[in-house]
Protein backbone atom coordinates (compact mmCIF):
# COMPACT_ATOMS: atom_id res chain seq x y z
CA UNK A 1 120.17 89.50 116.40
CA UNK A 2 118.74 86.98 113.97
CA UNK A 3 115.33 87.43 112.34
CA UNK A 4 113.36 84.22 111.74
CA UNK A 5 110.37 84.39 109.42
CA UNK A 6 107.91 81.51 109.80
CA UNK A 7 106.70 80.52 106.33
CA UNK A 8 106.12 76.77 106.47
CA UNK A 9 102.33 76.86 106.42
CA UNK A 10 100.12 75.66 103.56
CA UNK A 11 97.38 78.35 103.78
CA UNK A 12 94.60 75.94 102.80
CA UNK A 13 91.91 78.55 103.56
CA UNK A 14 93.23 80.58 100.62
CA UNK A 15 92.90 77.79 98.04
CA UNK A 16 93.08 77.95 95.06
CA UNK A 17 95.42 80.99 95.39
CA UNK A 18 97.95 79.09 97.50
CA UNK A 19 97.93 75.66 95.88
CA UNK A 20 101.13 76.47 94.00
CA UNK A 21 102.13 79.79 95.60
CA UNK A 22 103.01 80.19 99.29
CA UNK A 23 100.96 82.84 101.06
CA UNK A 24 103.95 85.15 101.82
CA UNK A 25 104.71 85.30 98.08
CA UNK A 26 101.26 86.50 97.05
CA UNK A 27 101.53 89.96 95.44
CA UNK A 28 99.78 92.70 97.40
CA UNK A 29 101.16 95.91 95.94
CA UNK A 30 101.98 95.70 92.25
CA UNK A 31 104.67 93.03 92.07
CA UNK A 32 105.60 93.45 95.75
CA UNK A 33 104.63 90.46 97.86
CA UNK A 34 103.68 90.11 101.52
CA UNK A 35 107.23 88.88 102.12
CA UNK A 36 108.73 91.87 100.30
CA UNK A 37 106.87 94.26 102.60
CA UNK A 38 107.89 92.33 105.70
CA UNK A 39 111.56 92.11 104.75
CA UNK A 40 111.54 95.84 103.97
CA UNK A 41 110.66 96.38 107.65
CA UNK A 42 113.63 94.20 108.67
CA UNK A 43 115.96 96.07 106.34
CA UNK A 44 115.45 99.15 108.53
CA UNK A 45 116.81 97.41 111.64
CA UNK A 46 120.54 97.77 112.18
CA UNK A 47 120.48 95.04 114.86
CA UNK A 48 119.48 92.32 112.39
CA UNK A 49 122.57 90.46 111.17
CA UNK A 50 120.75 87.81 109.10
CA UNK A 51 117.26 86.87 107.98
CA UNK A 52 116.27 83.19 108.05
CA UNK A 53 113.08 82.00 106.37
CA UNK A 54 111.83 78.53 107.28
CA UNK A 55 109.46 76.89 104.81
CA UNK A 56 108.41 73.41 103.75
CA UNK A 57 109.61 71.13 100.97
CA UNK A 58 106.61 71.95 98.81
CA UNK A 59 107.42 75.67 98.61
CA UNK A 60 111.19 75.63 99.11
CA UNK A 61 111.97 76.22 95.43
CA UNK A 62 109.59 79.19 95.25
CA UNK A 63 111.29 80.85 98.21
CA UNK A 64 114.73 80.11 96.81
CA UNK A 65 113.73 81.81 93.57
CA UNK A 66 112.53 84.82 95.59
CA UNK A 67 115.87 84.89 97.46
CA UNK A 68 117.86 84.88 94.22
CA UNK A 69 115.93 87.94 93.06
CA UNK A 70 116.20 89.70 96.44
CA UNK A 71 118.26 92.88 96.26
CA UNK A 72 118.36 93.94 99.90
CA UNK A 73 121.48 94.40 101.99
CA UNK A 74 120.73 91.78 104.64
CA UNK A 75 121.94 88.20 104.12
CA UNK A 76 118.97 85.86 103.65
CA UNK A 77 118.83 82.07 103.81
CA UNK A 78 115.92 79.71 103.14
CA UNK A 79 115.59 76.61 105.34
CA UNK A 80 113.54 73.55 104.37
CA UNK A 81 111.81 71.76 107.26
CA UNK A 82 111.22 68.72 105.02
CA UNK A 83 107.42 68.54 105.37
CA UNK A 84 105.25 68.03 102.29
CA UNK A 85 101.63 68.34 103.45
CA UNK A 86 99.43 70.20 105.95
CA UNK A 87 98.95 66.93 107.85
CA UNK A 88 102.69 66.52 108.36
CA UNK A 89 103.60 70.10 109.26
CA UNK A 90 105.81 70.72 112.27
CA UNK A 91 103.82 73.70 113.55
CA UNK A 92 105.21 77.15 114.26
CA UNK A 93 107.03 76.19 117.47
CA UNK A 94 108.19 72.95 115.89
CA UNK A 95 109.72 74.98 113.08
CA UNK A 96 111.43 77.34 115.52
CA UNK A 97 113.00 74.36 117.28
CA UNK A 98 113.99 72.85 113.92
CA UNK A 99 115.86 76.06 113.04
CA UNK A 100 117.49 76.28 116.47
CA UNK A 101 118.81 72.75 116.09
CA UNK A 102 119.90 73.15 112.47
CA UNK A 103 121.61 76.50 112.90
CA UNK A 104 122.81 76.26 116.52
CA UNK A 105 121.72 79.87 117.03
CA UNK A 106 123.46 81.68 119.88
CA UNK A 107 122.00 85.13 119.40
CA UNK A 108 118.86 87.02 120.31
CA UNK A 109 115.99 85.99 118.03
CA UNK A 110 113.21 88.04 116.44
CA UNK A 111 110.43 85.70 115.30
CA UNK A 112 107.82 86.89 112.78
CA UNK A 113 104.91 85.28 110.95
CA UNK A 114 105.61 85.41 107.22
CA UNK A 115 102.01 86.14 106.24
CA UNK A 116 101.36 89.38 108.12
CA UNK A 117 101.31 92.88 106.62
CA UNK A 118 102.50 95.37 109.22
CA UNK A 119 101.34 98.98 109.25
CA UNK A 120 104.24 100.14 111.45
CA UNK A 121 108.02 99.91 111.73
CA UNK A 122 109.80 97.65 114.21
CA UNK A 123 112.43 100.10 115.46
CA UNK A 124 110.44 100.97 118.61
CA UNK A 125 109.95 97.30 119.45
CA UNK A 126 113.67 96.57 119.31
CA UNK A 127 114.44 99.71 121.33
CA UNK A 128 112.02 98.48 124.00
CA UNK A 129 113.63 95.02 124.05
CA UNK A 130 117.07 96.56 124.57
CA UNK A 131 115.72 98.82 127.33
CA UNK A 132 113.99 96.12 129.41
CA UNK A 133 116.41 93.27 128.66
CA UNK A 134 113.62 90.67 128.79
CA UNK A 135 111.83 88.38 126.34
CA UNK A 136 109.08 90.37 124.64
CA UNK A 137 105.75 89.87 122.95
CA UNK A 138 103.95 92.43 120.79
CA UNK A 139 100.37 93.36 121.67
CA UNK A 140 97.65 95.69 120.50
CA UNK A 141 94.08 96.45 121.54
CA UNK A 142 91.48 94.21 119.86
CA UNK A 143 87.82 95.03 120.43
CA UNK A 144 86.30 92.24 118.32
CA UNK A 145 85.52 89.26 120.62
CA UNK A 146 85.53 86.86 117.65
CA UNK A 147 89.07 87.93 116.71
CA UNK A 148 90.25 87.60 120.33
CA UNK A 149 89.08 83.99 120.32
CA UNK A 150 91.34 83.31 117.32
CA UNK A 151 94.57 84.74 118.76
CA UNK A 152 96.52 84.95 122.01
CA UNK A 153 95.13 87.20 124.75
CA UNK A 154 97.25 88.67 127.54
CA UNK A 155 96.78 90.41 130.87
CA UNK A 156 99.50 92.90 131.85
CA UNK A 157 100.53 94.72 135.01
CA UNK A 158 101.47 98.41 135.23
CA UNK A 159 105.04 97.65 134.13
CA UNK A 160 103.82 95.79 131.01
CA UNK A 161 104.82 92.45 132.48
CA UNK A 162 102.70 89.52 131.31
CA UNK A 163 100.47 88.30 134.13
CA UNK A 164 98.50 85.81 132.04
CA UNK A 165 98.49 84.67 128.43
CA UNK A 166 96.06 82.29 126.77
CA UNK A 167 96.07 81.17 123.15
CA UNK A 168 92.64 81.11 121.47
CA UNK A 169 90.59 81.59 124.67
CA UNK A 170 86.88 80.87 124.58
CA UNK A 171 86.36 83.53 127.25
CA UNK A 172 89.01 86.25 126.72
CA UNK A 173 90.13 87.90 129.96
CA UNK A 174 91.09 91.18 128.29
CA UNK A 175 91.11 92.96 124.94
CA UNK A 176 94.90 92.80 124.66
CA UNK A 177 95.69 90.69 121.61
CA UNK A 178 99.05 88.96 121.13
CA UNK A 179 100.44 88.90 117.60
CA UNK A 180 103.15 86.83 115.95
CA UNK A 181 106.14 89.09 116.59
CA UNK A 182 108.32 87.87 119.43
CA UNK A 183 111.84 88.73 120.62
CA UNK A 184 113.65 86.08 122.65
CA UNK A 185 116.92 86.48 124.47
CA UNK A 186 119.62 84.02 123.48
CA UNK A 187 119.49 82.52 126.99
CA UNK A 188 115.81 81.62 126.45
CA UNK A 189 116.30 79.62 123.24
CA UNK A 190 117.19 76.29 124.96
CA UNK A 191 113.76 76.37 126.62
CA UNK A 192 112.02 75.60 123.33
CA UNK A 193 113.28 72.01 123.46
CA UNK A 194 112.20 71.75 127.10
CA UNK A 195 108.73 73.06 126.23
CA UNK A 196 108.31 70.46 123.49
CA UNK A 197 109.77 67.67 125.64
CA UNK A 198 107.12 68.44 128.26
CA UNK A 199 104.43 67.90 125.64
CA UNK A 200 103.80 71.51 124.69
CA UNK A 201 101.61 72.19 121.66
CA UNK A 202 103.94 72.78 118.66
CA UNK A 203 101.38 74.61 116.55
CA UNK A 204 100.51 78.29 117.20
CA UNK A 205 103.54 80.42 118.13
CA UNK A 206 101.86 82.02 121.18
CA UNK A 207 101.70 78.68 122.99
CA UNK A 208 105.38 79.02 123.90
CA UNK A 209 105.15 82.47 125.59
CA UNK A 210 101.95 81.22 127.27
CA UNK A 211 104.15 78.55 128.90
CA UNK A 212 107.16 80.84 129.32
CA UNK A 213 105.63 83.74 131.26
CA UNK A 214 105.23 81.67 134.44
CA UNK A 215 108.91 80.68 134.31
CA UNK A 216 110.60 83.91 133.23
CA UNK A 217 109.65 87.55 133.26
CA UNK A 218 107.97 88.35 129.96
CA UNK A 219 107.34 91.91 128.80
CA UNK A 220 104.82 93.27 126.31
CA UNK A 221 105.32 96.03 123.77
CA UNK A 222 102.17 97.87 122.73
CA UNK A 223 101.52 99.08 119.20
CA UNK A 224 98.52 100.87 117.77
CA UNK A 225 99.64 100.05 114.23
CA UNK A 226 97.76 97.64 111.99
CA UNK A 227 98.60 93.95 111.67
CA UNK A 228 96.77 92.22 108.84
CA UNK A 229 96.59 88.52 108.11
CA UNK A 230 94.68 87.57 104.97
CA UNK A 231 92.52 84.55 105.70
CA UNK A 232 90.23 84.27 102.66
CA UNK A 233 90.49 85.00 98.92
CA UNK A 234 87.95 87.81 99.39
CA UNK A 235 90.00 89.43 102.16
CA UNK A 236 93.13 89.10 100.04
CA UNK A 237 91.42 90.93 97.19
CA UNK A 238 90.32 93.72 99.52
CA UNK A 239 93.81 94.12 100.96
CA UNK A 240 95.39 94.21 97.53
CA UNK A 241 92.98 96.89 96.34
CA UNK A 242 93.64 99.00 99.43
CA UNK A 243 97.44 98.73 99.26
CA UNK A 244 97.45 99.50 95.54
CA UNK A 245 95.46 102.61 96.36
CA UNK A 246 98.08 103.75 98.85
CA UNK A 247 100.75 103.60 96.17
CA UNK A 248 103.47 102.63 98.63
C-alpha cells in the first residue's frame, strides 16, 4: 500500500503564518510539525511501503528540506504539481490524478490530508479495509451543524455501506461527517481519470467518493477519535498550546 499525503494547498486563511511556510510544516508540539505527527501515524503501519507527499512549486523546497531531515524508516518522496498560486491549484482530486499519472501506481492507496492532526492511530482502519475488501472512507459523529456544512456528510446502512454522500451540504441528512482519510483499492484508481473526464469537481477530496458510491460498494469506518484542522491563526495558537501541554 502507498500512502499519499495531500499538501499542495496554500492555506490563505492562515496568513501571515503560511505565506512562506506550508501549513503541514507549522510546528505544533515543540519543533514537531503537523506533518511530523501525521507521518508518525504512518510509521506504525506495516502495510505502507512508501509515503508520497504532493505539494506545489511554491513550497516544494520546504518539503524537500523536511524530507532530508526525516529520520523515519519509511521511504518518502516529495512530488511537485507545478502550480504556483491558489488560483492555479489543481485541487485535491486533481493532485491525486496527477500523482497517479506521474507514478503509475498499481497498489492500494491511502489518501490523507496533510494538514490534519489525528487523535488516534490508523491500524484499525487498515484492518477494516483488509476485512471488507472494499474502498473505504473514514467517518465520525459531528453534532455541530455549521461544521457539517463545511465537510462531507454520509448516510450508512447497517453494514456500514455508504447509501448517500454529499460534500458541503446546505441541509445535512445525518450527523455522520466524512474526513480526509480514504483507502482505495488498486482497481479503483483508474476511475479518477473517468471522474474528471466527466466533469467532476477536482477540488475537495470527498467529491470523488460522493461520485463513486453509486458505482461501487463503498464502506465507512467509524472513529470516535479527534480530527483537527487548524483554520485560523487563533485556532492554531490554541492547538499548539494544548499539544504542548500534553507533552507528547
